[in-house]
Amino acid sequence: MLRAIDTDAANVAPVRLFTYDSSQSTRARNSGLRVEKLALPAEGESRPKSRYCRRVEAGWSCR
């Protein structure tokens, strides 16, 4: 679940959601947020908890 509070609309930068979850990404777009759908975790992060990921030579492959 995403929760954001707009304290001062004149001085707040646009909110952008980063997610691995397609459903969450769709809901956020429908709510008017900018969304970056991630395919692989950033370096140092654990692998995404998805049944659609598999280990490959270069790291993790997710579809």
N, C-alpha and C. Protein backbone atom coordinates (compact mmCIF):
# COMPACT_ATOMS: atom_id res chain seq x y z
N MET A 1 0.84 -1.17 0.00
CA MET A 1 0.00 0.00 0.00
C MET A 1 0.89 1.24 0.00
N LEU A 2 0.50 2.21 -0.74
CA LEU A 2 1.25 3.45 -0.83
C LEU A 2 0.50 4.54 -0.10
N ARG A 3 1.21 5.26 0.75
CA ARG A 3 0.61 6.40 1.44
C ARG A 3 1.51 7.60 1.25
N ALA A 4 0.95 8.67 0.79
CA ALA A 4 1.71 9.91 0.61
C ALA A 4 0.90 11.06 1.18
N ILE A 5 1.58 11.98 1.80
CA ILE A 5 0.91 13.15 2.38
C ILE A 5 1.43 14.39 1.67
N ASP A 6 0.53 15.18 1.16
CA ASP A 6 0.88 16.43 0.49
C ASP A 6 0.75 17.56 1.51
N THR A 7 1.89 18.01 2.05
CA THR A 7 1.85 19.03 3.10
C THR A 7 1.71 20.44 2.55
N ASP A 8 2.32 20.70 1.42
CA ASP A 8 2.24 22.03 0.82
C ASP A 8 2.35 21.85 -0.69
N ALA A 9 1.24 21.86 -1.37
CA ALA A 9 1.20 21.56 -2.81
C ALA A 9 2.11 22.46 -3.63
N ALA A 10 2.37 23.67 -3.19
CA ALA A 10 3.20 24.59 -3.97
C ALA A 10 4.69 24.23 -3.89
N ASN A 11 5.11 23.53 -2.85
CA ASN A 11 6.53 23.27 -2.64
C ASN A 11 6.92 21.80 -2.64
N VAL A 12 6.05 20.93 -3.09
CA VAL A 12 6.32 19.50 -3.07
C VAL A 12 6.63 19.01 -4.48
N ALA A 13 7.71 18.24 -4.59
CA ALA A 13 8.07 17.65 -5.88
C ALA A 13 7.06 16.55 -6.23
N PRO A 14 6.88 16.25 -7.51
CA PRO A 14 5.96 15.18 -7.90
C PRO A 14 6.38 13.85 -7.27
N VAL A 15 5.41 13.04 -6.91
CA VAL A 15 5.67 11.73 -6.31
C VAL A 15 5.86 10.72 -7.42
N ARG A 16 6.86 9.86 -7.26
CA ARG A 16 7.08 8.77 -8.20
C ARG A 16 7.19 7.48 -7.41
N LEU A 17 6.47 6.46 -7.83
CA LEU A 17 6.46 5.17 -7.17
C LEU A 17 7.37 4.21 -7.92
N PHE A 18 8.26 3.52 -7.21
CA PHE A 18 9.11 2.48 -7.78
C PHE A 18 8.61 1.15 -7.23
N THR A 19 8.30 0.19 -8.12
CA THR A 19 7.74 -1.08 -7.66
C THR A 19 8.09 -2.21 -8.61
N TYR A 20 8.08 -3.44 -8.08
CA TYR A 20 8.19 -4.65 -8.89
C TYR A 20 6.80 -5.18 -9.23
N ASP A 21 5.80 -4.74 -8.53
CA ASP A 21 4.45 -5.30 -8.59
C ASP A 21 3.61 -4.65 -9.69
N SER A 22 3.17 -5.44 -10.66
CA SER A 22 2.37 -4.91 -11.78
C SER A 22 1.03 -4.36 -11.32
N SER A 23 0.40 -5.05 -10.39
CA SER A 23 -0.90 -4.60 -9.90
C SER A 23 -0.78 -3.26 -9.17
N GLN A 24 0.24 -3.14 -8.33
CA GLN A 24 0.46 -1.89 -7.60
C GLN A 24 0.79 -0.76 -8.58
N SER A 25 1.57 -1.08 -9.60
CA SER A 25 1.93 -0.08 -10.59
C SER A 25 0.70 0.42 -11.34
N THR A 26 -0.21 -0.48 -11.70
CA THR A 26 -1.44 -0.09 -12.39
C THR A 26 -2.32 0.78 -11.50
N ARG A 27 -2.47 0.40 -10.23
CA ARG A 27 -3.29 1.20 -9.31
C ARG A 27 -2.70 2.59 -9.13
N ALA A 28 -1.38 2.68 -9.03
CA ALA A 28 -0.73 3.98 -8.85
C ALA A 28 -0.92 4.86 -10.08
N ARG A 29 -0.77 4.28 -11.28
CA ARG A 29 -0.99 5.05 -12.51
C ARG A 29 -2.43 5.55 -12.59
N ASN A 30 -3.38 4.69 -12.22
CA ASN A 30 -4.80 5.09 -12.23
C ASN A 30 -5.08 6.18 -11.22
N SER A 31 -4.24 6.30 -10.20
CA SER A 31 -4.39 7.35 -9.19
C SER A 31 -3.67 8.64 -9.58
N GLY A 32 -2.98 8.62 -10.72
CA GLY A 32 -2.32 9.82 -11.20
C GLY A 32 -0.85 9.95 -10.82
N LEU A 33 -0.26 8.90 -10.23
CA LEU A 33 1.16 8.96 -9.88
C LEU A 33 2.02 8.55 -11.06
N ARG A 34 3.25 9.03 -11.06
CA ARG A 34 4.22 8.55 -12.04
C ARG A 34 4.83 7.28 -11.46
N VAL A 35 5.01 6.27 -12.30
CA VAL A 35 5.44 4.95 -11.82
C VAL A 35 6.64 4.48 -12.62
N GLU A 36 7.61 3.90 -11.92
CA GLU A 36 8.74 3.21 -12.55
C GLU A 36 8.62 1.74 -12.16
N LYS A 37 8.29 0.89 -13.13
CA LYS A 37 8.17 -0.55 -12.87
C LYS A 37 9.56 -1.16 -12.98
N LEU A 38 10.06 -1.74 -11.91
CA LEU A 38 11.39 -2.30 -11.86
C LEU A 38 11.38 -3.76 -12.31
N ALA A 39 12.39 -4.15 -13.07
CA ALA A 39 12.50 -5.53 -13.52
C ALA A 39 13.42 -6.34 -12.62
N LEU A 40 14.49 -5.74 -12.17
CA LEU A 40 15.46 -6.42 -11.31
C LEU A 40 15.77 -5.55 -10.11
N PRO A 41 16.15 -6.15 -8.99
CA PRO A 41 16.50 -5.34 -7.81
C PRO A 41 17.79 -4.56 -8.04
N ALA A 42 17.90 -3.42 -7.37
CA ALA A 42 19.13 -2.65 -7.43
C ALA A 42 20.24 -3.42 -6.73
N GLU A 43 21.47 -3.10 -7.04
CA GLU A 43 22.60 -3.79 -6.42
C GLU A 43 22.53 -3.66 -4.91
N GLY A 44 22.70 -4.77 -4.22
CA GLY A 44 22.65 -4.77 -2.77
C GLY A 44 21.28 -5.11 -2.21
N GLU A 45 20.24 -5.11 -3.04
CA GLU A 45 18.90 -5.49 -2.58
C GLU A 45 18.71 -6.98 -2.79
N SER A 46 17.81 -7.56 -2.00
CA SER A 46 17.51 -8.97 -2.18
C SER A 46 16.65 -9.14 -3.43
N ARG A 47 16.57 -10.36 -3.90
CA ARG A 47 15.78 -10.62 -5.11
C ARG A 47 14.31 -10.37 -4.84
N PRO A 48 13.55 -10.01 -5.86
CA PRO A 48 12.13 -9.79 -5.68
C PRO A 48 11.42 -11.09 -5.32
N LYS A 49 10.41 -11.00 -4.50
CA LYS A 49 9.65 -12.18 -4.10
C LYS A 49 8.58 -12.43 -5.16
N SER A 50 8.97 -13.03 -6.24
CA SER A 50 8.06 -13.29 -7.34
C SER A 50 8.30 -14.69 -7.86
N ARG A 51 7.25 -15.39 -8.17
CA ARG A 51 7.41 -16.73 -8.72
C ARG A 51 7.86 -16.68 -10.17
N TYR A 52 7.93 -15.50 -10.76
CA TYR A 52 8.32 -15.35 -12.15
C TYR A 52 9.79 -14.98 -12.31
N CYS A 53 10.58 -15.10 -11.25
CA CYS A 53 12.00 -14.80 -11.32
C CYS A 53 12.81 -16.09 -11.28
N ARG A 54 13.93 -16.07 -11.98
CA ARG A 54 14.83 -17.22 -11.92
C ARG A 54 16.26 -16.74 -11.93
N ARG A 55 17.14 -17.53 -11.37
CA ARG A 55 18.56 -17.19 -11.29
C ARG A 55 19.20 -17.45 -12.65
N VAL A 56 19.94 -16.47 -13.16
CA VAL A 56 20.71 -16.63 -14.39
C VAL A 56 22.15 -16.22 -14.10
N GLU A 57 23.03 -16.44 -15.04
CA GLU A 57 24.45 -16.17 -14.83
C GLU A 57 24.71 -14.72 -14.41
N ALA A 58 23.98 -13.78 -14.98
CA ALA A 58 24.22 -12.36 -14.69
C ALA A 58 23.44 -11.85 -13.48
N GLY A 59 22.65 -12.69 -12.83
CA GLY A 59 21.87 -12.24 -11.68
C GLY A 59 20.50 -12.89 -11.67
N TRP A 60 19.46 -12.06 -11.65
CA TRP A 60 18.08 -12.56 -11.65
C TRP A 60 17.37 -12.13 -12.91
N SER A 61 16.56 -13.03 -13.46
CA SER A 61 15.75 -12.73 -14.62
C SER A 61 14.28 -12.82 -14.22
N CYS A 62 13.55 -11.74 -14.41
CA CYS A 62 12.13 -11.71 -14.06
C CYS A 62 11.31 -11.35 -15.29
N ARG A 63 10.17 -11.94 -15.39
CA ARG A 63 9.27 -11.58 -16.50
C ARG A 63 8.00 -11.02 -15.96
